[in-house]
Amino acid sequence: MESTDAGLVFVAFAKSFNPFEAILHRMIGMEDNITDALFTFTRPITGAYYWCPPVKSGRLDLSKLGL
């Protein structure tokens, strides 16, 4: 049995979502209507962001959230 379904997991770290938003906007052509060449042979179906809260001295540090 041959399947054409496949997936890719991309993991990156940054102090905010801004760099990822900028890259995704560029890839889908929001700035100049030129989409990334990756989309000539792939089709994005879904996506997600995950947030890992910081840990300080072995405990969650939610101080930046005001908690």
PDB file of N, CA and C in Angstrom:
ATOM      1  N   MET A   1       0.840  -1.181   0.000  1.00  0.00           N
ATOM      2  CA  MET A   1       0.000   0.000   0.000  1.00  0.00           C
ATOM      3  C   MET A   1       0.883   1.242   0.000  1.00  0.00           C
ATOM      4  N   GLU A   2       0.633   2.130  -0.920  1.00  0.00           N
ATOM      5  CA  GLU A   2       1.422   3.347  -1.032  1.00  0.00           C
ATOM      6  C   GLU A   2       0.585   4.539  -0.581  1.00  0.00           C
ATOM      7  N   SER A   3       1.174   5.394   0.209  1.00  0.00           N
ATOM      8  CA  SER A   3       0.459   6.563   0.707  1.00  0.00           C
ATOM      9  C   SER A   3       1.175   7.830   0.253  1.00  0.00           C
ATOM     10  N   THR A   4       0.392   8.809  -0.108  1.00  0.00           N
ATOM     11  CA  THR A   4       0.972  10.112  -0.461  1.00  0.00           C
ATOM     12  C   THR A   4       0.877  11.080   0.703  1.00  0.00           C
ATOM     13  N   ASP A   5       0.248  10.642   1.804  1.00  0.00           N
ATOM     14  CA  ASP A   5       0.150  11.494   2.982  1.00  0.00           C
ATOM     15  C   ASP A   5       1.451  11.425   3.766  1.00  0.00           C
ATOM     16  N   ALA A   6       1.958  12.568   4.135  1.00  0.00           N
ATOM     17  CA  ALA A   6       3.176  12.634   4.932  1.00  0.00           C
ATOM     18  C   ALA A   6       3.109  13.907   5.751  1.00  0.00           C
ATOM     19  N   GLY A   7       4.073  14.105   6.605  1.00  0.00           N
ATOM     20  CA  GLY A   7       4.050  15.293   7.440  1.00  0.00           C
ATOM     21  C   GLY A   7       5.436  15.768   7.784  1.00  0.00           C
ATOM     22  N   LEU A   8       5.489  16.954   8.304  1.00  0.00           N
ATOM     23  CA  LEU A   8       6.740  17.564   8.716  1.00  0.00           C
ATOM     24  C   LEU A   8       6.506  18.258  10.036  1.00  0.00           C
ATOM     25  N   VAL A   9       7.399  18.046  10.956  1.00  0.00           N
ATOM     26  CA  VAL A   9       7.354  18.747  12.227  1.00  0.00           C
ATOM     27  C   VAL A   9       8.543  19.688  12.258  1.00  0.00           C
ATOM     28  N   PHE A  10       8.277  20.946  12.465  1.00  0.00           N
ATOM     29  CA  PHE A  10       9.321  21.955  12.533  1.00  0.00           C
ATOM     30  C   PHE A  10       9.335  22.501  13.946  1.00  0.00           C
ATOM     31  N   VAL A  11      10.489  22.477  14.580  1.00  0.00           N
ATOM     32  CA  VAL A  11      10.626  22.970  15.942  1.00  0.00           C
ATOM     33  C   VAL A  11      11.637  24.096  15.947  1.00  0.00           C
ATOM     34  N   ALA A  12      11.262  25.204  16.562  1.00  0.00           N
ATOM     35  CA  ALA A  12      12.163  26.347  16.688  1.00  0.00           C
ATOM     36  C   ALA A  12      11.838  27.070  17.993  1.00  0.00           C
ATOM     37  N   PHE A  13      12.770  27.855  18.443  1.00  0.00           N
ATOM     38  CA  PHE A  13      12.594  28.575  19.691  1.00  0.00           C
ATOM     39  C   PHE A  13      12.844  30.059  19.468  1.00  0.00           C
ATOM     40  N   ALA A  14      12.031  30.895  20.085  1.00  0.00           N
ATOM     41  CA  ALA A  14      12.202  32.348  20.036  1.00  0.00           C
ATOM     42  C   ALA A  14      11.523  32.938  21.261  1.00  0.00           C
ATOM     43  N   LYS A  15      11.845  34.176  21.560  1.00  0.00           N
ATOM     44  CA  LYS A  15      11.230  34.783  22.743  1.00  0.00           C
ATOM     45  C   LYS A  15       9.845  35.332  22.463  1.00  0.00           C
ATOM     46  N   SER A  16       9.433  35.353  21.191  1.00  0.00           N
ATOM     47  CA  SER A  16       8.072  35.765  20.848  1.00  0.00           C
ATOM     48  C   SER A  16       7.643  35.063  19.560  1.00  0.00           C
ATOM     49  N   PHE A  17       6.372  35.172  19.225  1.00  0.00           N
ATOM     50  CA  PHE A  17       5.856  34.587  17.990  1.00  0.00           C
ATOM     51  C   PHE A  17       6.151  35.470  16.774  1.00  0.00           C
ATOM     52  N   ASN A  18       6.598  36.689  16.971  1.00  0.00           N
ATOM     53  CA  ASN A  18       6.789  37.646  15.867  1.00  0.00           C
ATOM     54  C   ASN A  18       7.667  37.137  14.729  1.00  0.00           C
ATOM     55  N   PRO A  19       8.831  36.537  15.000  1.00  0.00           N
ATOM     56  CA  PRO A  19       9.642  36.029  13.882  1.00  0.00           C
ATOM     57  C   PRO A  19       8.927  34.961  13.059  1.00  0.00           C
ATOM     58  N   PHE A  20       8.178  34.101  13.721  1.00  0.00           N
ATOM     59  CA  PHE A  20       7.460  33.044  13.010  1.00  0.00           C
ATOM     60  C   PHE A  20       6.334  33.617  12.164  1.00  0.00           C
ATOM     61  N   GLU A  21       5.621  34.595  12.717  1.00  0.00           N
ATOM     62  CA  GLU A  21       4.556  35.249  11.958  1.00  0.00           C
ATOM     63  C   GLU A  21       5.127  35.931  10.719  1.00  0.00           C
ATOM     64  N   ALA A  22       6.253  36.599  10.861  1.00  0.00           N
ATOM     65  CA  ALA A  22       6.875  37.286   9.720  1.00  0.00           C
ATOM     66  C   ALA A  22       7.270  36.294   8.627  1.00  0.00           C
ATOM     67  N   ILE A  23       7.851  35.171   9.023  1.00  0.00           N
ATOM     68  CA  ILE A  23       8.263  34.157   8.045  1.00  0.00           C
ATOM     69  C   ILE A  23       7.045  33.566   7.337  1.00  0.00           C
ATOM     70  N   LEU A  24       6.009  33.235   8.101  1.00  0.00           N
ATOM     71  CA  LEU A  24       4.813  32.651   7.493  1.00  0.00           C
ATOM     72  C   LEU A  24       4.126  33.640   6.561  1.00  0.00           C
ATOM     73  N   HIS A  25       4.048  34.905   6.941  1.00  0.00           N
ATOM     74  CA  HIS A  25       3.451  35.923   6.062  1.00  0.00           C
ATOM     75  C   HIS A  25       4.227  36.026   4.758  1.00  0.00           C
ATOM     76  N   ARG A  26       5.535  35.966   4.853  1.00  0.00           N
ATOM     77  CA  ARG A  26       6.376  36.024   3.658  1.00  0.00           C
ATOM     78  C   ARG A  26       6.164  34.789   2.785  1.00  0.00           C
ATOM     79  N   MET A  27       6.098  33.614   3.427  1.00  0.00           N
ATOM     80  CA  MET A  27       5.929  32.368   2.677  1.00  0.00           C
ATOM     81  C   MET A  27       4.621  32.329   1.894  1.00  0.00           C
ATOM     82  N   ILE A  28       3.546  32.869   2.471  1.00  0.00           N
ATOM     83  CA  ILE A  28       2.257  32.814   1.782  1.00  0.00           C
ATOM     84  C   ILE A  28       2.021  34.021   0.880  1.00  0.00           C
ATOM     85  N   GLY A  29       3.013  34.915   0.776  1.00  0.00           N
ATOM     86  CA  GLY A  29       2.936  36.022  -0.161  1.00  0.00           C
ATOM     87  C   GLY A  29       2.112  37.204   0.300  1.00  0.00           C
ATOM     88  N   MET A  30       1.950  37.393   1.596  1.00  0.00           N
ATOM     89  CA  MET A  30       1.145  38.517   2.086  1.00  0.00           C
ATOM     90  C   MET A  30       1.757  39.872   1.740  1.00  0.00           C
ATOM     91  N   GLU A  31       3.068  39.939   1.563  1.00  0.00           N
ATOM     92  CA  GLU A  31       3.737  41.214   1.293  1.00  0.00           C
ATOM     93  C   GLU A  31       3.793  41.543  -0.186  1.00  0.00           C
ATOM     94  N   ASP A  32       4.060  40.527  -1.025  1.00  0.00           N
ATOM     95  CA  ASP A  32       4.299  40.812  -2.444  1.00  0.00           C
ATOM     96  C   ASP A  32       3.569  39.868  -3.398  1.00  0.00           C
ATOM     97  N   ASN A  33       2.657  39.044  -2.861  1.00  0.00           N
ATOM     98  CA  ASN A  33       1.902  38.061  -3.652  1.00  0.00           C
ATOM     99  C   ASN A  33       2.780  36.995  -4.303  1.00  0.00           C
ATOM    100  N   ILE A  34       4.004  36.819  -3.825  1.00  0.00           N
ATOM    101  CA  ILE A  34       4.887  35.750  -4.308  1.00  0.00           C
ATOM    102  C   ILE A  34       4.939  34.692  -3.217  1.00  0.00           C
ATOM    103  N   THR A  35       4.396  33.513  -3.521  1.00  0.00           N
ATOM    104  CA  THR A  35       4.406  32.447  -2.523  1.00  0.00           C
ATOM    105  C   THR A  35       5.723  31.683  -2.583  1.00  0.00           C
ATOM    106  N   ASP A  36       6.040  31.040  -1.484  1.00  0.00           N
ATOM    107  CA  ASP A  36       7.261  30.260  -1.378  1.00  0.00           C
ATOM    108  C   ASP A  36       7.235  29.105  -2.382  1.00  0.00           C
ATOM    109  N   ALA A  37       8.368  28.800  -2.988  1.00  0.00           N
ATOM    110  CA  ALA A  37       8.467  27.712  -3.969  1.00  0.00           C
ATOM    111  C   ALA A  37       8.139  26.359  -3.357  1.00  0.00           C
ATOM    112  N   LEU A  38       8.237  26.240  -2.061  1.00  0.00           N
ATOM    113  CA  LEU A  38       7.882  24.999  -1.383  1.00  0.00           C
ATOM    114  C   LEU A  38       6.443  24.590  -1.702  1.00  0.00           C
ATOM    115  N   PHE A  39       5.583  25.578  -1.933  1.00  0.00           N
ATOM    116  CA  PHE A  39       4.175  25.302  -2.197  1.00  0.00           C
ATOM    117  C   PHE A  39       3.905  24.810  -3.617  1.00  0.00           C
ATOM    118  N   THR A  40       4.932  24.733  -4.454  1.00  0.00           N
ATOM    119  CA  THR A  40       4.722  24.175  -5.792  1.00  0.00           C
ATOM    120  C   THR A  40       4.586  22.661  -5.756  1.00  0.00           C
ATOM    121  N   PHE A  41       5.102  22.035  -4.686  1.00  0.00           N
ATOM    122  CA  PHE A  41       4.978  20.579  -4.587  1.00  0.00           C
ATOM    123  C   PHE A  41       4.472  20.106  -3.227  1.00  0.00           C
ATOM    124  N   THR A  42       4.033  21.026  -2.387  1.00  0.00           N
ATOM    125  CA  THR A  42       3.446  20.661  -1.096  1.00  0.00           C
ATOM    126  C   THR A  42       2.154  21.447  -0.902  1.00  0.00           C
ATOM    127  N   ARG A  43       1.351  20.978   0.033  1.00  0.00           N
ATOM    128  CA  ARG A  43       0.116  21.679   0.360  1.00  0.00           C
ATOM    129  C   ARG A  43      -0.042  21.676   1.875  1.00  0.00           C
ATOM    130  N   PRO A  44       0.091  22.849   2.507  1.00  0.00           N
ATOM    131  CA  PRO A  44      -0.094  22.886   3.955  1.00  0.00           C
ATOM    132  C   PRO A  44      -1.554  22.577   4.303  1.00  0.00           C
ATOM    133  N   ILE A  45      -1.744  21.730   5.285  1.00  0.00           N
ATOM    134  CA  ILE A  45      -3.091  21.345   5.696  1.00  0.00           C
ATOM    135  C   ILE A  45      -3.440  21.934   7.054  1.00  0.00           C
ATOM    136  N   THR A  46      -2.479  21.962   7.938  1.00  0.00           N
ATOM    137  CA  THR A  46      -2.738  22.453   9.284  1.00  0.00           C
ATOM    138  C   THR A  46      -1.453  23.015   9.877  1.00  0.00           C
ATOM    139  N   GLY A  47      -1.555  23.637  11.007  1.00  0.00           N
ATOM    140  CA  GLY A  47      -0.392  24.169  11.706  1.00  0.00           C
ATOM    141  C   GLY A  47      -0.751  24.477  13.152  1.00  0.00           C
ATOM    142  N   ALA A  48       0.238  24.676  13.969  1.00  0.00           N
ATOM    143  CA  ALA A  48      -0.017  24.954  15.378  1.00  0.00           C
ATOM    144  C   ALA A  48       1.197  25.624  16.000  1.00  0.00           C
ATOM    145  N   TYR A  49       0.948  26.367  17.048  1.00  0.00           N
ATOM    146  CA  TYR A  49       2.002  26.950  17.875  1.00  0.00           C
ATOM    147  C   TYR A  49       1.877  26.326  19.257  1.00  0.00           C
ATOM    148  N   TYR A  50       3.000  26.107  19.881  1.00  0.00           N
ATOM    149  CA  TYR A  50       3.014  25.623  21.256  1.00  0.00           C
ATOM    150  C   TYR A  50       3.907  26.531  22.068  1.00  0.00           C
ATOM    151  N   TRP A  51       3.501  26.808  23.282  1.00  0.00           N
ATOM    152  CA  TRP A  51       4.246  27.702  24.151  1.00  0.00           C
ATOM    153  C   TRP A  51       4.785  26.909  25.329  1.00  0.00           C
ATOM    154  N   CYS A  52       6.066  27.037  25.568  1.00  0.00           N
ATOM    155  CA  CYS A  52       6.691  26.399  26.726  1.00  0.00           C
ATOM    156  C   CYS A  52       7.013  27.484  27.732  1.00  0.00           C
ATOM    157  N   PRO A  53       6.347  27.501  28.863  1.00  0.00           N
ATOM    158  CA  PRO A  53       6.613  28.547  29.854  1.00  0.00           C
ATOM    159  C   PRO A  53       8.008  28.399  30.449  1.00  0.00           C
ATOM    160  N   PRO A  54       8.599  29.512  30.834  1.00  0.00           N
ATOM    161  CA  PRO A  54       9.942  29.450  31.422  1.00  0.00           C
ATOM    162  C   PRO A  54       9.918  28.821  32.821  1.00  0.00           C
ATOM    163  N   VAL A  55      11.047  28.243  33.165  1.00  0.00           N
ATOM    164  CA  VAL A  55      11.230  27.646  34.489  1.00  0.00           C
ATOM    165  C   VAL A  55      12.384  28.372  35.160  1.00  0.00           C
ATOM    166  N   LYS A  56      12.168  28.735  36.414  1.00  0.00           N
ATOM    167  CA  LYS A  56      13.209  29.411  37.192  1.00  0.00           C
ATOM    168  C   LYS A  56      13.322  28.698  38.535  1.00  0.00           C
ATOM    169  N   SER A  57      14.506  28.260  38.870  1.00  0.00           N
ATOM    170  CA  SER A  57      14.755  27.518  40.122  1.00  0.00           C
ATOM    171  C   SER A  57      13.846  26.308  40.247  1.00  0.00           C
ATOM    172  N   GLY A  58      13.626  25.614  39.117  1.00  0.00           N
ATOM    173  CA  GLY A  58      12.827  24.395  39.153  1.00  0.00           C
ATOM    174  C   GLY A  58      11.329  24.592  39.203  1.00  0.00           C
ATOM    175  N   ARG A  59      10.849  25.835  39.099  1.00  0.00           N
ATOM    176  CA  ARG A  59       9.415  26.126  39.159  1.00  0.00           C
ATOM    177  C   ARG A  59       9.008  26.970  37.964  1.00  0.00           C
ATOM    178  N   LEU A  60       7.749  26.838  37.562  1.00  0.00           N
ATOM    179  CA  LEU A  60       7.245  27.683  36.475  1.00  0.00           C
ATOM    180  C   LEU A  60       7.375  29.145  36.854  1.00  0.00           C
ATOM    181  N   ASP A  61       7.845  29.945  35.932  1.00  0.00           N
ATOM    182  CA  ASP A  61       7.966  31.390  36.151  1.00  0.00           C
ATOM    183  C   ASP A  61       6.992  32.104  35.225  1.00  0.00           C
ATOM    184  N   LEU A  62       5.825  32.411  35.751  1.00  0.00           N
ATOM    185  CA  LEU A  62       4.789  33.102  34.974  1.00  0.00           C
ATOM    186  C   LEU A  62       4.742  34.588  35.300  1.00  0.00           C
ATOM    187  N   SER A  63       5.824  35.126  35.836  1.00  0.00           N
ATOM    188  CA  SER A  63       5.846  36.532  36.244  1.00  0.00           C
ATOM    189  C   SER A  63       5.622  37.493  35.085  1.00  0.00           C
ATOM    190  N   LYS A  64       6.064  37.154  33.889  1.00  0.00           N
ATOM    191  CA  LYS A  64       5.872  38.029  32.719  1.00  0.00           C
ATOM    192  C   LYS A  64       4.390  38.121  32.329  1.00  0.00           C
ATOM    193  N   LEU A  65       3.601  37.157  32.780  1.00  0.00           N
ATOM    194  CA  LEU A  65       2.164  37.169  32.509  1.00  0.00           C
ATOM    195  C   LEU A  65       1.388  37.882  33.611  1.00  0.00           C
ATOM    196  N   GLY A  66       2.102  38.323  34.616  1.00  0.00           N
ATOM    197  CA  GLY A  66       1.449  38.987  35.739  1.00  0.00           C
ATOM    198  C   GLY A  66       0.765  38.009  36.685  1.00  0.00           C
ATOM    199  N   LEU A  67       1.195  36.765  36.642  1.00  0.00           N
ATOM    200  CA  LEU A  67       0.582  35.742  37.515  1.00  0.00           C
ATOM    201  C   LEU A  67       1.494  35.385  38.659  1.00  0.00           C
TER     202      LEU A  67
END
